Amino acid sequence: MVLHVDEDDKVIGFVPKLQAHQEGLLHRAVSILLFNEKGEWLLQKRADEKYHSGGLWSNSCCSHPYPHEEVQDAAERRLIEEMGIDCSLKKMYSFTYRAVLENQLIEHEIDHLFFGISSDLPKINQDEVSDYKYISKEALEKDIMLYPETYTEWFKIIYAEIYRKNISNFAELVHIAS
């Protein structure tokens, strides 16, 4: 079940996750960006078996809060479940997006974005994640420009927002995330 919400992120009710994606219902989500001590981004490659966006590169972790679960708790829980990493997370901002995916599924989310700093190596949950990598900002920028189809829609939106805010170096990220 996911939290069906209005434009102000107020809960309307609970709906099955697949139904929310089939009907394009606005629902609550969390996304996590982790950076290591070198300022590299930790990306995950979604498991091929995921019902949407399988095999695509994305942010460190993303999910939906359980009914009656705070977004901070959901972000921390899901980071441990997917990547095996337990670290301090700081909420940065929320954004709303809508994207039509493969199989005509629709992501329509109010996504709460969290940043964290950790140099721990992931212990991936292979039901959720097939691979991971650390990548510099410069290499990521080039890769997204050359191969945008290999990244999830929401991650491209997150990346563009961070790029737009001109967060350009690790010192800024440490300051923001601490």
C-alpha atoms as a PDB file:
ATOM      1  CA  MET A   1       0.000   0.000   0.000  1.00  0.00           C
ATOM      2  CA  VAL A   2       1.106   3.563  -0.698  1.00  0.00           C
ATOM      3  CA  LEU A   3      -0.151   6.856   0.686  1.00  0.00           C
ATOM      4  CA  HIS A   4      -2.446   8.526  -1.834  1.00  0.00           C
ATOM      5  CA  VAL A   5      -2.013  12.271  -1.209  1.00  0.00           C
ATOM      6  CA  ASP A   6      -3.242  15.619  -2.484  1.00  0.00           C
ATOM      7  CA  GLU A   7      -0.999  18.394  -3.852  1.00  0.00           C
ATOM      8  CA  ASP A   8      -0.296  19.557  -0.277  1.00  0.00           C
ATOM      9  CA  ASP A   9       0.910  16.047   0.697  1.00  0.00           C
ATOM     10  CA  LYS A  10      -2.160  15.462   2.877  1.00  0.00           C
ATOM     11  CA  VAL A  11      -3.210  11.812   2.990  1.00  0.00           C
ATOM     12  CA  ILE A  12      -6.390  10.980   1.086  1.00  0.00           C
ATOM     13  CA  GLY A  13      -6.165   7.244   1.690  1.00  0.00           C
ATOM     14  CA  PHE A  14      -4.194   4.098   0.995  1.00  0.00           C
ATOM     15  CA  VAL A  15      -4.023   2.316  -2.369  1.00  0.00           C
ATOM     16  CA  PRO A  16      -2.098  -0.676  -3.685  1.00  0.00           C
ATOM     17  CA  LYS A  17       1.241   0.406  -5.159  1.00  0.00           C
ATOM     18  CA  LEU A  18       0.539  -1.116  -8.569  1.00  0.00           C
ATOM     19  CA  GLN A  19      -2.845   0.641  -8.755  1.00  0.00           C
ATOM     20  CA  ALA A  20      -1.195   3.986  -7.956  1.00  0.00           C
ATOM     21  CA  HIS A  21       1.236   3.456 -10.831  1.00  0.00           C
ATOM     22  CA  GLN A  22      -1.413   2.186 -13.260  1.00  0.00           C
ATOM     23  CA  GLU A  23      -3.782   5.102 -12.593  1.00  0.00           C
ATOM     24  CA  GLY A  24      -1.154   7.800 -12.041  1.00  0.00           C
ATOM     25  CA  LEU A  25      -2.415   8.613  -8.551  1.00  0.00           C
ATOM     26  CA  LEU A  26      -0.357  11.170  -6.644  1.00  0.00           C
ATOM     27  CA  HIS A  27       1.418   9.366  -3.803  1.00  0.00           C
ATOM     28  CA  ARG A  28       4.202   9.919  -1.277  1.00  0.00           C
ATOM     29  CA  ALA A  29       7.740   8.685  -1.865  1.00  0.00           C
ATOM     30  CA  VAL A  30      11.253   9.046  -0.460  1.00  0.00           C
ATOM     31  CA  SER A  31      14.576   9.257  -2.312  1.00  0.00           C
ATOM     32  CA  ILE A  32      18.024   9.094  -0.763  1.00  0.00           C
ATOM     33  CA  LEU A  33      21.313  10.416  -2.151  1.00  0.00           C
ATOM     34  CA  LEU A  34      24.474   9.216  -0.442  1.00  0.00           C
ATOM     35  CA  PHE A  35      27.944  10.594  -1.039  1.00  0.00           C
ATOM     36  CA  ASN A  36      31.263   9.158   0.118  1.00  0.00           C
ATOM     37  CA  GLU A  37      34.205  11.092   1.592  1.00  0.00           C
ATOM     38  CA  LYS A  38      35.532  11.815  -1.916  1.00  0.00           C
ATOM     39  CA  GLY A  39      32.231  13.445  -2.895  1.00  0.00           C
ATOM     40  CA  GLU A  40      31.260  10.641  -5.223  1.00  0.00           C
ATOM     41  CA  TRP A  41      27.589   9.780  -5.670  1.00  0.00           C
ATOM     42  CA  LEU A  42      26.460   6.283  -4.657  1.00  0.00           C
ATOM     43  CA  LEU A  43      24.134   4.983  -7.360  1.00  0.00           C
ATOM     44  CA  GLN A  44      22.208   1.739  -7.479  1.00  0.00           C
ATOM     45  CA  LYS A  45      21.159  -0.234 -10.506  1.00  0.00           C
ATOM     46  CA  ARG A  46      17.616  -1.432  -9.966  1.00  0.00           C
ATOM     47  CA  ALA A  47      17.082  -5.191 -10.165  1.00  0.00           C
ATOM     48  CA  ASP A  48      15.977  -6.310 -13.627  1.00  0.00           C
ATOM     49  CA  GLU A  49      12.915  -7.978 -12.102  1.00  0.00           C
ATOM     50  CA  LYS A  50      11.426  -4.721 -10.747  1.00  0.00           C
ATOM     51  CA  TYR A  51       7.982  -4.137 -12.257  1.00  0.00           C
ATOM     52  CA  HIS A  52       9.106  -0.774 -13.589  1.00  0.00           C
ATOM     53  CA  SER A  53      12.436   0.859 -14.334  1.00  0.00           C
ATOM     54  CA  GLY A  54      14.251  -2.460 -13.884  1.00  0.00           C
ATOM     55  CA  GLY A  55      17.917  -2.441 -14.868  1.00  0.00           C
ATOM     56  CA  LEU A  56      18.177   1.358 -14.738  1.00  0.00           C
ATOM     57  CA  TRP A  57      20.631   3.394 -12.675  1.00  0.00           C
ATOM     58  CA  SER A  58      19.119   5.538  -9.951  1.00  0.00           C
ATOM     59  CA  ASN A  59      19.799   7.351  -6.705  1.00  0.00           C
ATOM     60  CA  SER A  60      21.166   5.425  -3.727  1.00  0.00           C
ATOM     61  CA  CYS A  61      17.728   4.305  -2.596  1.00  0.00           C
ATOM     62  CA  CYS A  62      14.050   5.119  -3.068  1.00  0.00           C
ATOM     63  CA  SER A  63      10.765   3.808  -1.757  1.00  0.00           C
ATOM     64  CA  HIS A  64       7.338   4.615  -0.356  1.00  0.00           C
ATOM     65  CA  PRO A  65       6.526   5.122   3.331  1.00  0.00           C
ATOM     66  CA  TYR A  66       4.251   2.614   4.994  1.00  0.00           C
ATOM     67  CA  PRO A  67       0.857   3.881   6.147  1.00  0.00           C
ATOM     68  CA  HIS A  68       1.411   5.923   9.345  1.00  0.00           C
ATOM     69  CA  GLU A  69       5.219   5.966   8.843  1.00  0.00           C
ATOM     70  CA  GLU A  70       7.100   9.275   8.849  1.00  0.00           C
ATOM     71  CA  VAL A  71       9.165  10.010   5.743  1.00  0.00           C
ATOM     72  CA  GLN A  72      12.417  10.189   7.750  1.00  0.00           C
ATOM     73  CA  ASP A  73      11.765   6.735   9.229  1.00  0.00           C
ATOM     74  CA  ALA A  74      10.887   5.344   5.794  1.00  0.00           C
ATOM     75  CA  ALA A  75      14.096   6.709   4.272  1.00  0.00           C
ATOM     76  CA  GLU A  76      16.278   5.276   7.048  1.00  0.00           C
ATOM     77  CA  ARG A  77      14.471   1.899   7.013  1.00  0.00           C
ATOM     78  CA  ARG A  78      14.629   1.508   3.260  1.00  0.00           C
ATOM     79  CA  LEU A  79      18.310   2.470   3.012  1.00  0.00           C
ATOM     80  CA  ILE A  80      19.127  -0.395   5.372  1.00  0.00           C
ATOM     81  CA  GLU A  81      16.770  -2.816   3.564  1.00  0.00           C
ATOM     82  CA  GLU A  82      18.019  -2.058   0.042  1.00  0.00           C
ATOM     83  CA  MET A  83      21.664  -1.087   0.510  1.00  0.00           C
ATOM     84  CA  GLY A  84      22.599  -2.382   3.976  1.00  0.00           C
ATOM     85  CA  ILE A  85      23.758   1.091   5.024  1.00  0.00           C
ATOM     86  CA  ASP A  86      22.799   2.783   8.281  1.00  0.00           C
ATOM     87  CA  CYS A  87      23.769   6.445   8.360  1.00  0.00           C
ATOM     88  CA  SER A  88      22.405   9.835   9.331  1.00  0.00           C
ATOM     89  CA  LEU A  89      20.093  11.371   6.740  1.00  0.00           C
ATOM     90  CA  LYS A  90      18.969  14.965   6.384  1.00  0.00           C
ATOM     91  CA  LYS A  91      15.812  15.931   4.520  1.00  0.00           C
ATOM     92  CA  MET A  92      16.578  18.507   1.860  1.00  0.00           C
ATOM     93  CA  TYR A  93      13.313  19.296   0.108  1.00  0.00           C
ATOM     94  CA  SER A  94      10.291  17.756  -1.601  1.00  0.00           C
ATOM     95  CA  PHE A  95       9.270  17.932  -5.230  1.00  0.00           C
ATOM     96  CA  THR A  96       6.362  16.667  -7.295  1.00  0.00           C
ATOM     97  CA  TYR A  97       6.799  14.949 -10.616  1.00  0.00           C
ATOM     98  CA  ARG A  98       4.806  12.909 -13.108  1.00  0.00           C
ATOM     99  CA  ALA A  99       6.370  10.611 -15.690  1.00  0.00           C
ATOM    100  CA  VAL A 100       4.965   7.920 -17.963  1.00  0.00           C
ATOM    101  CA  LEU A 101       7.179   4.834 -17.791  1.00  0.00           C
ATOM    102  CA  GLU A 102       7.439   1.637 -19.771  1.00  0.00           C
ATOM    103  CA  ASN A 103       4.316  -0.560 -19.796  1.00  0.00           C
ATOM    104  CA  GLN A 104       2.291   2.666 -19.554  1.00  0.00           C
ATOM    105  CA  LEU A 105       2.865   2.855 -15.791  1.00  0.00           C
ATOM    106  CA  ILE A 106       2.841   6.361 -14.337  1.00  0.00           C
ATOM    107  CA  GLU A 107       5.019   7.719 -11.560  1.00  0.00           C
ATOM    108  CA  HIS A 108       3.180  10.635  -9.957  1.00  0.00           C
ATOM    109  CA  GLU A 109       4.851  11.357  -6.659  1.00  0.00           C
ATOM    110  CA  ILE A 110       5.584  13.893  -4.016  1.00  0.00           C
ATOM    111  CA  ASP A 111       9.149  12.790  -3.436  1.00  0.00           C
ATOM    112  CA  HIS A 112      10.922  13.697  -0.182  1.00  0.00           C
ATOM    113  CA  LEU A 113      14.661  13.921  -0.863  1.00  0.00           C
ATOM    114  CA  PHE A 114      17.260  13.024   1.779  1.00  0.00           C
ATOM    115  CA  PHE A 115      21.059  13.453   1.676  1.00  0.00           C
ATOM    116  CA  GLY A 116      23.629  11.494   3.627  1.00  0.00           C
ATOM    117  CA  ILE A 117      27.387  11.004   3.861  1.00  0.00           C
ATOM    118  CA  SER A 118      28.777   7.487   4.205  1.00  0.00           C
ATOM    119  CA  SER A 119      31.816   5.626   2.955  1.00  0.00           C
ATOM    120  CA  ASP A 120      30.373   2.250   3.952  1.00  0.00           C
ATOM    121  CA  LEU A 121      30.279  -0.284   1.157  1.00  0.00           C
ATOM    122  CA  PRO A 122      26.743  -1.385   0.351  1.00  0.00           C
ATOM    123  CA  LYS A 123      25.486  -4.863   1.157  1.00  0.00           C
ATOM    124  CA  ILE A 124      22.829  -4.903  -1.537  1.00  0.00           C
ATOM    125  CA  ASN A 125      19.491  -6.674  -1.350  1.00  0.00           C
ATOM    126  CA  GLN A 126      19.566  -8.494  -4.692  1.00  0.00           C
ATOM    127  CA  ASP A 127      15.757  -8.585  -4.862  1.00  0.00           C
ATOM    128  CA  GLU A 128      15.885  -4.784  -5.171  1.00  0.00           C
ATOM    129  CA  VAL A 129      19.345  -3.898  -6.496  1.00  0.00           C
ATOM    130  CA  SER A 130      21.531  -5.624  -9.091  1.00  0.00           C
ATOM    131  CA  ASP A 131      24.632  -3.440  -8.815  1.00  0.00           C
ATOM    132  CA  TYR A 132      26.032  -0.216  -7.393  1.00  0.00           C
ATOM    133  CA  LYS A 133      28.775   2.243  -8.201  1.00  0.00           C
ATOM    134  CA  TYR A 134      30.413   5.387  -6.883  1.00  0.00           C
ATOM    135  CA  ILE A 135      30.734   8.072  -9.521  1.00  0.00           C
ATOM    136  CA  SER A 136      32.135  11.584  -9.589  1.00  0.00           C
ATOM    137  CA  LYS A 137      29.894  14.536 -10.401  1.00  0.00           C
ATOM    138  CA  GLU A 138      31.775  15.117 -13.650  1.00  0.00           C
ATOM    139  CA  ALA A 139      31.514  11.497 -14.801  1.00  0.00           C
ATOM    140  CA  LEU A 140      27.833  11.366 -13.831  1.00  0.00           C
ATOM    141  CA  GLU A 141      27.066  14.563 -15.736  1.00  0.00           C
ATOM    142  CA  LYS A 142      28.727  13.164 -18.864  1.00  0.00           C
ATOM    143  CA  ASP A 143      27.029   9.764 -18.529  1.00  0.00           C
ATOM    144  CA  ILE A 144      23.531  11.242 -18.100  1.00  0.00           C
ATOM    145  CA  MET A 145      24.081  13.442 -21.166  1.00  0.00           C
ATOM    146  CA  LEU A 146      25.303  10.519 -23.308  1.00  0.00           C
ATOM    147  CA  TYR A 147      23.016   7.758 -22.000  1.00  0.00           C
ATOM    148  CA  PRO A 148      19.892   9.290 -20.411  1.00  0.00           C
ATOM    149  CA  GLU A 149      17.876   6.147 -21.171  1.00  0.00           C
ATOM    150  CA  THR A 150      19.975   4.187 -18.643  1.00  0.00           C
ATOM    151  CA  TYR A 151      18.710   6.304 -15.695  1.00  0.00           C
ATOM    152  CA  THR A 152      15.354   6.398 -13.917  1.00  0.00           C
ATOM    153  CA  GLU A 153      13.076   9.337 -14.636  1.00  0.00           C
ATOM    154  CA  TRP A 154      13.041  10.517 -11.018  1.00  0.00           C
ATOM    155  CA  PHE A 155      16.815  10.406 -10.727  1.00  0.00           C
ATOM    156  CA  LYS A 156      17.220  12.580 -13.820  1.00  0.00           C
ATOM    157  CA  ILE A 157      14.840  15.078 -12.200  1.00  0.00           C
ATOM    158  CA  ILE A 158      16.747  14.985  -8.892  1.00  0.00           C
ATOM    159  CA  TYR A 159      20.075  15.387 -10.691  1.00  0.00           C
ATOM    160  CA  ALA A 160      18.787  18.337 -12.734  1.00  0.00           C
ATOM    161  CA  GLU A 161      17.508  20.026  -9.569  1.00  0.00           C
ATOM    162  CA  ILE A 162      20.849  19.668  -7.795  1.00  0.00           C
ATOM    163  CA  TYR A 163      22.632  20.864 -10.915  1.00  0.00           C
ATOM    164  CA  ARG A 164      20.228  23.838 -11.127  1.00  0.00           C
ATOM    165  CA  LYS A 165      20.940  24.710  -7.488  1.00  0.00           C
ATOM    166  CA  ASN A 166      24.630  24.707  -8.477  1.00  0.00           C
ATOM    167  CA  ILE A 167      25.722  22.364  -5.708  1.00  0.00           C
ATOM    168  CA  SER A 168      29.079  21.764  -7.240  1.00  0.00           C
ATOM    169  CA  ASN A 169      31.443  20.365  -4.684  1.00  0.00           C
ATOM    170  CA  PHE A 170      31.734  17.947  -1.820  1.00  0.00           C
ATOM    171  CA  ALA A 171      32.192  20.667   0.814  1.00  0.00           C
ATOM    172  CA  GLU A 172      28.742  22.034  -0.072  1.00  0.00           C
ATOM    173  CA  LEU A 173      27.213  18.564   0.172  1.00  0.00           C
ATOM    174  CA  VAL A 174      28.806  17.928   3.574  1.00  0.00           C
ATOM    175  CA  HIS A 175      27.517  21.274   4.811  1.00  0.00           C
ATOM    176  CA  ILE A 176      24.020  20.567   3.478  1.00  0.00           C
ATOM    177  CA  ALA A 177      23.883  17.012   4.803  1.00  0.00           C
ATOM    178  CA  SER A 178      25.250  17.751   8.276  1.00  0.00           C
END
